[in-house]
Amino acid sequence: MRASSEPNALLAPDEPAAVETLCADGTSDIVLCCEHAAARLPRALGTLGLSDTALGSHIAWDIGAGAVARLLSQRLDAPLVLHNYSRLVIDCNRPLAAGDSIPESAEWGSIAGNAGLTAAQRTTRADTLFKPFHQALQAVLDARGQQRRRTLLIAIHSFTPNYRGQDRPWDIGLMYGADARLAVPVLAALRRDPRLQVGDNQPYAMEEGIDYTLPEHGQRRGIPHLGVEIRQDQVADPPAQARWAGRLASLLRQVAITPDIH
């Protein structure tokens, strides 16, 4: 189905807001975000021409990531900003000018509902879904900056075990750029567990111009930042999500008290 022709009708009044902020005044030094927490589509867009199978798959969202992020927020008493709609509508971790900001194809083929969008339709998606997420995260970080609070920014993601026929062996991966202040101690802590295969900028590395959230809110502000990617088969159900949240909460508590991360 094509996008709605009504620029201001993307979200109906009874639909969830684009963004949800939890524990905004949390006591933790850590601030969490999750750009791909949901597979939901605005009703005005129908199914974007995709099957229910596709809409429930990894092309639509980071399976398990939102649940882990929520549990981490509770365990750490950490602020969390989540996005409530699918990255198929607009990807909150891509610059608006990027070719895959509103993807016209995915691993499983074309996305008919994203083809041939007008400039007004693209702007409506950005104004309704992309900008509120980043404004909410900015508000949390600005408030902490005004209070002179120490802040470590962590984005929670998940990745599919197999992509385009290639198996991905990592249980968890960390993505970061030139600023490795947070990545180095988290990598070291994860690698103390011999059962884990840990990816160092695998399966994804943070790249400015491709990624948006961490370069914009972490790198630009000069605060330590890190992307955490968990393999989706490891967080596919509530017990597994709780195990990973518990493991990460314990590890991050220890890392957060390291005095030389500032």
Protein backbone atom coordinates (compact mmCIF):
# COMPACT_ATOMS: atom_id res chain seq x y z
CA MET A 1 0.00 0.00 0.00
CA ARG A 2 1.26 3.51 -0.81
CA ALA A 3 1.80 6.11 1.85
CA SER A 4 -1.15 8.26 2.87
CA SER A 5 -1.64 11.30 0.66
CA GLU A 6 -2.58 13.35 3.72
CA PRO A 7 0.65 14.91 5.09
CA ASN A 8 -0.71 15.27 8.63
CA ALA A 9 -2.52 11.91 8.87
CA LEU A 10 0.40 9.57 9.41
CA LEU A 11 -0.53 8.77 13.03
CA ALA A 12 -4.13 8.65 14.21
CA PRO A 13 -4.93 10.09 17.67
CA ASP A 14 -5.39 6.61 19.14
CA GLU A 15 -2.05 5.27 17.87
CA PRO A 16 1.04 5.16 20.11
CA ALA A 17 3.35 8.13 20.10
CA ALA A 18 6.50 7.84 18.03
CA VAL A 19 8.78 7.76 21.05
CA GLU A 20 8.69 6.56 24.63
CA THR A 21 11.00 7.81 27.37
CA LEU A 22 11.36 5.70 30.50
CA CYS A 23 13.09 6.54 33.76
CA ALA A 24 14.05 10.00 32.52
CA ASP A 25 15.40 11.02 35.93
CA GLY A 26 17.16 7.72 36.62
CA THR A 27 20.17 7.69 38.91
CA SER A 28 22.49 5.73 36.61
CA ASP A 29 25.36 7.31 34.71
CA ILE A 30 24.16 5.28 31.72
CA VAL A 31 21.59 6.54 29.20
CA LEU A 32 20.06 3.90 26.94
CA CYS A 33 18.39 4.21 23.57
CA CYS A 34 16.78 1.73 21.19
CA GLU A 35 16.05 2.97 17.68
CA HIS A 36 14.61 -0.30 16.31
CA ALA A 37 12.51 -1.45 19.27
CA ALA A 38 9.23 -2.06 17.41
CA ALA A 39 7.81 -3.54 14.20
CA ARG A 40 4.65 -1.40 14.31
CA LEU A 41 3.47 0.46 11.19
CA PRO A 42 1.16 3.48 11.21
CA ARG A 43 -2.28 2.35 10.09
CA ALA A 44 -2.25 4.98 7.33
CA LEU A 45 0.53 3.06 5.60
CA GLY A 46 -1.17 -0.34 5.61
CA THR A 47 1.42 -3.09 5.23
CA LEU A 48 3.79 -1.24 2.86
CA GLY A 49 3.05 -4.12 0.48
CA LEU A 50 4.81 -6.66 2.73
CA SER A 51 3.64 -9.98 4.14
CA ASP A 52 3.02 -10.59 7.84
CA THR A 53 6.12 -12.81 7.85
CA ALA A 54 8.30 -10.02 6.53
CA LEU A 55 6.79 -7.47 8.92
CA GLY A 56 7.59 -9.70 11.89
CA SER A 57 11.14 -10.40 10.78
CA HIS A 58 14.49 -8.71 11.35
CA ILE A 59 13.98 -6.44 8.34
CA ALA A 60 11.30 -4.57 10.30
CA TRP A 61 12.88 -4.33 13.76
CA ASP A 62 15.66 -5.52 16.06
CA ILE A 63 14.02 -8.59 17.56
CA GLY A 64 14.38 -8.68 21.34
CA ALA A 65 16.30 -5.41 21.58
CA GLY A 66 13.45 -3.34 22.99
CA ALA A 67 12.65 -5.92 25.65
CA VAL A 68 16.30 -6.13 26.73
CA ALA A 69 16.55 -2.34 26.80
CA ARG A 70 13.45 -2.04 28.99
CA LEU A 71 14.79 -4.61 31.44
CA LEU A 72 18.19 -2.92 31.51
CA SER A 73 16.56 0.41 32.24
CA GLN A 74 14.74 -1.12 35.21
CA ARG A 75 17.80 -2.92 36.56
CA LEU A 76 20.15 0.04 36.21
CA ASP A 77 17.65 2.83 36.96
CA ALA A 78 18.80 4.28 33.64
CA PRO A 79 16.95 6.61 31.28
CA LEU A 80 15.77 4.88 28.11
CA VAL A 81 14.47 6.39 24.86
CA LEU A 82 12.70 3.90 22.56
CA HIS A 83 11.20 4.27 19.12
CA ASN A 84 7.72 2.79 18.71
CA TYR A 85 7.58 2.26 14.93
CA SER A 86 9.35 0.11 12.37
CA ARG A 87 12.56 1.17 10.69
CA LEU A 88 10.81 0.24 7.44
CA VAL A 89 8.81 3.47 7.73
CA ILE A 90 11.90 5.57 8.50
CA ASP A 91 15.16 4.47 10.10
CA CYS A 92 16.06 6.53 13.17
CA ASN A 93 19.67 5.39 12.90
CA ARG A 94 20.22 6.79 9.42
CA PRO A 95 20.77 10.41 8.37
CA LEU A 96 17.69 11.77 6.65
CA ALA A 97 19.68 12.25 3.45
CA ALA A 98 20.85 8.61 3.38
CA GLY A 99 19.52 6.39 0.62
CA ASP A 100 18.20 3.85 3.13
CA SER A 101 16.59 6.37 5.47
CA ILE A 102 13.27 5.18 4.01
CA PRO A 103 14.30 1.87 2.41
CA GLU A 104 12.81 0.90 -0.94
CA SER A 105 14.20 -2.63 -0.65
CA ALA A 106 15.31 -5.03 2.06
CA GLU A 107 16.92 -8.46 2.24
CA TRP A 108 13.69 -10.10 1.07
CA GLY A 109 12.92 -7.82 -1.87
CA SER A 110 11.33 -4.49 -2.69
CA ILE A 111 9.12 -2.43 -0.37
CA ALA A 112 6.31 -1.21 -2.61
CA GLY A 113 4.86 1.18 -0.03
CA ASN A 114 8.13 3.13 0.09
CA ALA A 115 8.52 3.56 -3.67
CA GLY A 116 7.89 6.87 -5.36
CA LEU A 117 7.28 8.92 -2.22
CA THR A 118 6.85 12.64 -2.66
CA ALA A 119 9.03 15.13 -0.82
CA ALA A 120 6.01 15.99 1.35
CA GLN A 121 5.48 12.35 2.32
CA ARG A 122 9.14 11.92 3.23
CA THR A 123 9.03 15.10 5.31
CA THR A 124 5.90 13.89 7.10
CA ARG A 125 7.63 10.66 8.09
CA ALA A 126 10.67 12.56 9.32
CA ASP A 127 8.62 15.11 11.27
CA THR A 128 6.27 12.50 12.77
CA LEU A 129 8.63 9.65 13.57
CA PHE A 130 12.33 10.49 13.18
CA LYS A 131 12.58 13.92 14.76
CA PRO A 132 10.58 13.15 17.93
CA PHE A 133 12.94 10.27 18.78
CA HIS A 134 16.03 12.42 18.47
CA GLN A 135 14.42 15.36 20.21
CA ALA A 136 13.53 13.10 23.15
CA LEU A 137 17.06 11.73 23.40
CA GLN A 138 18.48 15.23 23.08
CA ALA A 139 16.20 16.42 25.89
CA VAL A 140 17.45 13.69 28.23
CA LEU A 141 21.08 14.45 27.42
CA ASP A 142 20.59 18.22 27.62
CA ALA A 143 19.02 17.93 31.06
CA ARG A 144 21.92 15.83 32.30
CA GLY A 145 24.39 18.28 30.81
CA GLN A 146 22.74 21.17 32.59
CA GLN A 147 22.96 19.20 35.84
CA ARG A 148 26.63 18.40 35.08
CA ARG A 149 25.88 14.71 35.37
CA ARG A 150 28.29 12.14 34.03
CA THR A 151 26.74 10.32 31.05
CA LEU A 152 27.61 7.15 29.13
CA LEU A 153 25.39 6.62 26.07
CA ILE A 154 24.56 3.05 24.98
CA ALA A 155 22.40 2.06 22.02
CA ILE A 156 20.81 -1.40 22.20
CA HIS A 157 20.41 -3.39 18.97
CA SER A 158 20.14 -6.99 17.82
CA PHE A 159 21.26 -8.75 14.64
CA THR A 160 19.99 -11.70 12.64
CA PRO A 161 22.02 -14.94 12.97
CA ASN A 162 22.18 -15.29 9.19
CA TYR A 163 22.29 -12.48 6.65
CA ARG A 164 22.12 -13.15 2.93
CA GLY A 165 23.27 -16.72 3.48
CA GLN A 166 26.19 -15.85 5.77
CA ASP A 167 26.16 -17.20 9.32
CA ARG A 168 27.17 -14.80 12.05
CA PRO A 169 28.90 -16.61 14.90
CA TRP A 170 29.06 -13.81 17.44
CA ASP A 171 26.83 -13.98 20.51
CA ILE A 172 27.21 -10.25 20.99
CA GLY A 173 29.02 -7.49 19.17
CA LEU A 174 30.07 -3.97 20.07
CA MET A 175 30.14 -1.12 17.58
CA TYR A 176 32.06 2.09 18.04
CA GLY A 177 34.20 4.57 16.15
CA ALA A 178 37.31 6.48 17.10
CA ASP A 179 36.08 6.96 20.68
CA ALA A 180 36.76 3.61 22.37
CA ARG A 181 36.60 4.81 25.97
CA LEU A 182 33.53 2.70 26.69
CA ALA A 183 34.15 -0.09 24.20
CA VAL A 184 37.52 -1.17 25.61
CA PRO A 185 36.38 -2.02 29.16
CA VAL A 186 33.07 -3.54 27.98
CA LEU A 187 34.91 -5.75 25.48
CA ALA A 188 37.34 -6.86 28.17
CA ALA A 189 34.52 -7.67 30.59
CA LEU A 190 32.56 -9.68 28.00
CA ARG A 191 35.65 -11.64 26.96
CA ARG A 192 36.18 -12.86 30.50
CA ASP A 193 33.33 -15.28 29.82
CA PRO A 194 34.85 -18.09 27.70
CA ARG A 195 31.38 -19.17 26.56
CA LEU A 196 30.85 -15.96 24.60
CA GLN A 197 32.04 -15.15 21.11
CA VAL A 198 32.33 -11.38 21.15
CA GLY A 199 32.50 -9.24 18.03
CA ASP A 200 34.76 -6.20 18.04
CA ASN A 201 33.01 -3.93 15.52
CA GLN A 202 31.38 -7.10 14.21
CA PRO A 203 28.92 -7.70 12.66
CA TYR A 204 28.62 -3.92 12.45
CA ALA A 205 30.99 -1.02 13.00
CA MET A 206 29.82 2.50 13.73
CA GLU A 207 30.31 4.72 10.69
CA GLU A 208 29.62 8.42 10.54
CA GLY A 209 27.46 9.15 7.51
CA ILE A 210 25.86 5.72 7.76
CA ASP A 211 24.92 5.57 11.44
CA TYR A 212 23.22 8.59 12.98
CA THR A 213 22.35 8.22 16.67
CA LEU A 214 25.74 7.64 18.24
CA PRO A 215 27.65 10.08 15.99
CA GLU A 216 25.01 12.75 16.59
CA HIS A 217 24.36 12.33 20.32
CA GLY A 218 27.57 10.72 21.52
CA GLN A 219 30.44 11.74 19.29
CA ARG A 220 29.22 15.30 18.69
CA ARG A 221 28.77 15.87 22.43
CA GLY A 222 32.07 14.22 23.30
CA ILE A 223 30.48 11.73 25.70
CA PRO A 224 31.52 8.06 25.83
CA HIS A 225 29.20 5.99 23.65
CA LEU A 226 28.75 2.45 22.41
CA GLY A 227 26.43 0.29 20.35
CA VAL A 228 25.55 -3.16 21.72
CA GLU A 229 24.37 -5.80 19.22
CA ILE A 230 22.97 -9.12 20.54
CA ARG A 231 22.28 -12.03 18.20
CA GLN A 232 18.54 -12.39 17.85
CA ASP A 233 18.29 -16.10 18.59
CA GLN A 234 19.77 -15.28 22.00
CA VAL A 235 16.99 -12.83 22.91
CA ALA A 236 13.99 -14.39 21.17
CA ASP A 237 11.87 -15.02 24.29
CA PRO A 238 11.35 -13.39 27.70
CA PRO A 239 13.59 -15.77 29.72
CA ALA A 240 16.47 -15.22 27.28
CA GLN A 241 15.90 -11.47 27.29
CA ALA A 242 15.98 -11.46 31.09
CA ARG A 243 19.24 -13.44 31.12
CA TRP A 244 20.96 -11.02 28.78
CA ALA A 245 19.60 -8.00 30.61
CA GLY A 246 20.89 -9.39 33.89
CA ARG A 247 24.31 -10.17 32.42
CA LEU A 248 24.65 -6.73 30.84
CA ALA A 249 23.34 -4.90 33.90
CA SER A 250 25.95 -6.53 36.11
CA LEU A 251 28.74 -5.84 33.64
CA LEU A 252 27.72 -2.24 32.96
CA ARG A 253 27.44 -1.42 36.64
CA GLN A 254 31.08 -2.40 37.05
CA VAL A 255 32.22 -0.56 33.93
CA ALA A 256 30.28 2.58 34.89
CA ILE A 257 32.24 3.01 38.09
CA THR A 258 35.57 3.01 36.22
CA PRO A 259 36.90 6.49 37.03
CA ASP A 260 38.88 6.96 33.80
CA ILE A 261 35.78 6.80 31.58
CA HIS A 262 34.68 10.42 31.44
